[in-house]
Amino acid sequence: MAKNTETESTETAAAEEAASTTTTAAKLEKRWRIIIPSSPKPGGDKDVPLTVNGVINIVQRDAEVLLTAPYLEALQNAKERGYEGKADVLRYPFSILGEVMVDPATLDTKLAAGTDGTRSNAAA
């Protein structure tokens, strides 16, 4: 009888560990690591405002920052009209350095500069 109880305890512990791993993985979000370099244009050294659904994030230039998919899309869609006969060009040229999975609970979303290199007007 003791062996049966021991087996049940092992199975229960394994199930709890699997559930814990699933819960932790469910909390992670994909972020893109990017850099927006300074530009010689007027205002090219100022931080970059990105707005998605009324929430403004201010992205620091010349520093690696983490962006969610909607803010990356907003950055990709920020274009300015090119010269005559030329296509529209990116208003804020940037480089994507890679993707990371992060726990959003560990990132600061207050109006002050966050640990992800952005500032936001979103309520904390």
C-alpha atoms as a PDB file:
ATOM      1  CA  MET A   1       0.000   0.000   0.000  1.00  0.00           C
ATOM      2  CA  ALA A   2       2.869   2.394   0.719  1.00  0.00           C
ATOM      3  CA  LYS A   3       4.186   2.015  -2.831  1.00  0.00           C
ATOM      4  CA  ASN A   4       0.823   3.095  -4.268  1.00  0.00           C
ATOM      5  CA  THR A   5       0.768   6.242  -2.098  1.00  0.00           C
ATOM      6  CA  GLU A   6       4.350   7.037  -3.091  1.00  0.00           C
ATOM      7  CA  THR A   7       3.473   6.688  -6.794  1.00  0.00           C
ATOM      8  CA  GLU A   8       0.439   8.964  -6.366  1.00  0.00           C
ATOM      9  CA  SER A   9       2.603  11.595  -4.610  1.00  0.00           C
ATOM     10  CA  THR A  10       5.138  11.483  -7.452  1.00  0.00           C
ATOM     11  CA  GLU A  11       2.403  11.801 -10.086  1.00  0.00           C
ATOM     12  CA  THR A  12       0.779  14.688  -8.193  1.00  0.00           C
ATOM     13  CA  ALA A  13       4.117  16.511  -7.892  1.00  0.00           C
ATOM     14  CA  ALA A  14       4.776  16.029 -11.605  1.00  0.00           C
ATOM     15  CA  ALA A  15       1.312  17.336 -12.495  1.00  0.00           C
ATOM     16  CA  GLU A  16       1.763  20.407 -10.256  1.00  0.00           C
ATOM     17  CA  GLU A  17       5.154  21.138 -11.815  1.00  0.00           C
ATOM     18  CA  ALA A  18       3.695  20.856 -15.338  1.00  0.00           C
ATOM     19  CA  ALA A  19       0.825  23.181 -14.382  1.00  0.00           C
ATOM     20  CA  SER A  20       3.287  25.684 -12.898  1.00  0.00           C
ATOM     21  CA  THR A  21       5.388  25.626 -16.075  1.00  0.00           C
ATOM     22  CA  THR A  22       2.273  26.143 -18.220  1.00  0.00           C
ATOM     23  CA  THR A  23       1.123  29.053 -16.042  1.00  0.00           C
ATOM     24  CA  THR A  24       4.555  30.704 -16.268  1.00  0.00           C
ATOM     25  CA  ALA A  25       4.701  30.245 -20.037  1.00  0.00           C
ATOM     26  CA  ALA A  26       1.207  31.704 -20.419  1.00  0.00           C
ATOM     27  CA  LYS A  27       2.356  34.952 -18.782  1.00  0.00           C
ATOM     28  CA  LEU A  28       5.164  35.548 -21.268  1.00  0.00           C
ATOM     29  CA  GLU A  29       4.730  37.955 -24.172  1.00  0.00           C
ATOM     30  CA  LYS A  30       6.792  38.339 -27.331  1.00  0.00           C
ATOM     31  CA  ARG A  31       8.668  41.620 -27.614  1.00  0.00           C
ATOM     32  CA  TRP A  32      10.947  42.857 -30.381  1.00  0.00           C
ATOM     33  CA  ARG A  33      14.346  44.314 -29.527  1.00  0.00           C
ATOM     34  CA  ILE A  34      14.886  47.429 -31.634  1.00  0.00           C
ATOM     35  CA  ILE A  35      17.106  50.491 -31.896  1.00  0.00           C
ATOM     36  CA  ILE A  36      16.016  53.799 -33.410  1.00  0.00           C
ATOM     37  CA  PRO A  37      19.201  55.736 -34.217  1.00  0.00           C
ATOM     38  CA  SER A  38      19.502  59.508 -34.088  1.00  0.00           C
ATOM     39  CA  SER A  39      18.994  61.323 -37.359  1.00  0.00           C
ATOM     40  CA  PRO A  40      20.634  64.426 -38.846  1.00  0.00           C
ATOM     41  CA  LYS A  41      17.146  65.820 -39.579  1.00  0.00           C
ATOM     42  CA  PRO A  42      15.710  68.538 -37.336  1.00  0.00           C
ATOM     43  CA  GLY A  43      14.420  66.855 -34.159  1.00  0.00           C
ATOM     44  CA  GLY A  44      16.353  63.718 -35.041  1.00  0.00           C
ATOM     45  CA  ASP A  45      17.775  63.421 -31.547  1.00  0.00           C
ATOM     46  CA  LYS A  46      14.414  63.557 -29.751  1.00  0.00           C
ATOM     47  CA  ASP A  47      12.553  60.521 -28.435  1.00  0.00           C
ATOM     48  CA  VAL A  48       9.975  58.918 -30.742  1.00  0.00           C
ATOM     49  CA  PRO A  49       6.259  58.940 -29.815  1.00  0.00           C
ATOM     50  CA  LEU A  50       4.271  55.853 -30.844  1.00  0.00           C
ATOM     51  CA  THR A  51       0.494  55.744 -30.345  1.00  0.00           C
ATOM     52  CA  VAL A  52      -1.685  52.624 -30.352  1.00  0.00           C
ATOM     53  CA  ASN A  53      -5.378  52.842 -29.391  1.00  0.00           C
ATOM     54  CA  GLY A  54      -4.872  56.157 -27.616  1.00  0.00           C
ATOM     55  CA  VAL A  55      -1.924  54.952 -25.514  1.00  0.00           C
ATOM     56  CA  ILE A  56       1.276  56.842 -26.239  1.00  0.00           C
ATOM     57  CA  ASN A  57       4.681  55.249 -25.659  1.00  0.00           C
ATOM     58  CA  ILE A  58       7.736  57.454 -25.920  1.00  0.00           C
ATOM     59  CA  VAL A  59      10.649  55.407 -27.285  1.00  0.00           C
ATOM     60  CA  GLN A  60      14.211  56.441 -26.501  1.00  0.00           C
ATOM     61  CA  ARG A  61      16.615  56.836 -29.427  1.00  0.00           C
ATOM     62  CA  ASP A  62      20.067  55.250 -29.580  1.00  0.00           C
ATOM     63  CA  ALA A  63      19.134  52.624 -26.974  1.00  0.00           C
ATOM     64  CA  GLU A  64      17.905  49.068 -27.281  1.00  0.00           C
ATOM     65  CA  VAL A  65      14.200  48.950 -26.378  1.00  0.00           C
ATOM     66  CA  LEU A  66      11.499  46.289 -26.309  1.00  0.00           C
ATOM     67  CA  LEU A  67       8.301  46.803 -28.313  1.00  0.00           C
ATOM     68  CA  THR A  68       5.114  44.770 -28.509  1.00  0.00           C
ATOM     69  CA  ALA A  69       3.690  43.850 -31.914  1.00  0.00           C
ATOM     70  CA  PRO A  70       1.201  46.769 -32.081  1.00  0.00           C
ATOM     71  CA  TYR A  71       3.908  49.357 -31.352  1.00  0.00           C
ATOM     72  CA  LEU A  72       6.298  47.742 -33.829  1.00  0.00           C
ATOM     73  CA  GLU A  73       3.550  47.947 -36.443  1.00  0.00           C
ATOM     74  CA  ALA A  74       2.964  51.630 -35.590  1.00  0.00           C
ATOM     75  CA  LEU A  75       6.695  52.272 -36.042  1.00  0.00           C
ATOM     76  CA  GLN A  76       6.710  50.412 -39.376  1.00  0.00           C
ATOM     77  CA  ASN A  77       3.704  52.431 -40.580  1.00  0.00           C
ATOM     78  CA  ALA A  78       5.175  55.815 -39.579  1.00  0.00           C
ATOM     79  CA  LYS A  79       6.123  57.159 -42.993  1.00  0.00           C
ATOM     80  CA  GLU A  80       6.734  60.533 -44.544  1.00  0.00           C
ATOM     81  CA  ARG A  81       6.282  61.510 -48.150  1.00  0.00           C
ATOM     82  CA  GLY A  82       9.381  61.081 -50.254  1.00  0.00           C
ATOM     83  CA  TYR A  83      10.557  63.503 -52.871  1.00  0.00           C
ATOM     84  CA  GLU A  84       8.736  63.722 -56.194  1.00  0.00           C
ATOM     85  CA  GLY A  85       8.725  60.374 -57.887  1.00  0.00           C
ATOM     86  CA  LYS A  86      10.066  58.572 -54.800  1.00  0.00           C
ATOM     87  CA  ALA A  87       8.124  56.248 -52.546  1.00  0.00           C
ATOM     88  CA  ASP A  88       7.256  57.120 -48.976  1.00  0.00           C
ATOM     89  CA  VAL A  89      10.128  56.535 -46.551  1.00  0.00           C
ATOM     90  CA  LEU A  90      10.222  55.528 -42.891  1.00  0.00           C
ATOM     91  CA  ARG A  91       9.884  58.538 -40.656  1.00  0.00           C
ATOM     92  CA  TYR A  92      11.945  56.811 -37.949  1.00  0.00           C
ATOM     93  CA  PRO A  93      14.400  54.317 -39.469  1.00  0.00           C
ATOM     94  CA  PHE A  94      15.071  51.466 -37.031  1.00  0.00           C
ATOM     95  CA  SER A  95      16.819  48.125 -36.705  1.00  0.00           C
ATOM     96  CA  ILE A  96      15.232  44.952 -35.339  1.00  0.00           C
ATOM     97  CA  LEU A  97      17.801  43.114 -33.224  1.00  0.00           C
ATOM     98  CA  GLY A  98      15.684  40.079 -32.414  1.00  0.00           C
ATOM     99  CA  GLU A  99      12.744  38.736 -30.455  1.00  0.00           C
ATOM    100  CA  VAL A 100      12.491  37.901 -26.755  1.00  0.00           C
ATOM    101  CA  MET A 101       9.820  36.449 -24.510  1.00  0.00           C
ATOM    102  CA  VAL A 102       9.298  38.563 -21.370  1.00  0.00           C
ATOM    103  CA  ASP A 103       6.987  38.587 -18.381  1.00  0.00           C
ATOM    104  CA  PRO A 104       5.108  41.916 -18.683  1.00  0.00           C
ATOM    105  CA  ALA A 105       4.685  42.026 -14.904  1.00  0.00           C
ATOM    106  CA  THR A 106       8.425  42.650 -14.581  1.00  0.00           C
ATOM    107  CA  LEU A 107       8.377  45.702 -16.895  1.00  0.00           C
ATOM    108  CA  ASP A 108       7.669  49.185 -15.586  1.00  0.00           C
ATOM    109  CA  THR A 109       4.692  50.873 -17.292  1.00  0.00           C
ATOM    110  CA  LYS A 110       4.586  54.098 -15.253  1.00  0.00           C
ATOM    111  CA  LEU A 111       4.970  57.499 -16.924  1.00  0.00           C
ATOM    112  CA  ALA A 112       8.620  57.547 -15.827  1.00  0.00           C
ATOM    113  CA  ALA A 113      11.125  55.756 -18.026  1.00  0.00           C
ATOM    114  CA  GLY A 114      10.501  52.021 -17.984  1.00  0.00           C
ATOM    115  CA  THR A 115      12.979  49.188 -17.807  1.00  0.00           C
ATOM    116  CA  ASP A 116      12.132  48.450 -21.435  1.00  0.00           C
ATOM    117  CA  GLY A 117      13.364  51.866 -22.636  1.00  0.00           C
ATOM    118  CA  THR A 118       9.919  53.362 -23.118  1.00  0.00           C
ATOM    119  CA  ARG A 119       7.643  55.747 -21.238  1.00  0.00           C
ATOM    120  CA  SER A 120       3.895  55.383 -21.385  1.00  0.00           C
ATOM    121  CA  ASN A 121       0.775  57.298 -20.454  1.00  0.00           C
ATOM    122  CA  ALA A 122      -0.995  54.012 -19.607  1.00  0.00           C
ATOM    123  CA  ALA A 123      -2.351  53.653 -16.083  1.00  0.00           C
ATOM    124  CA  ALA A 124      -0.135  51.503 -13.883  1.00  0.00           C
END
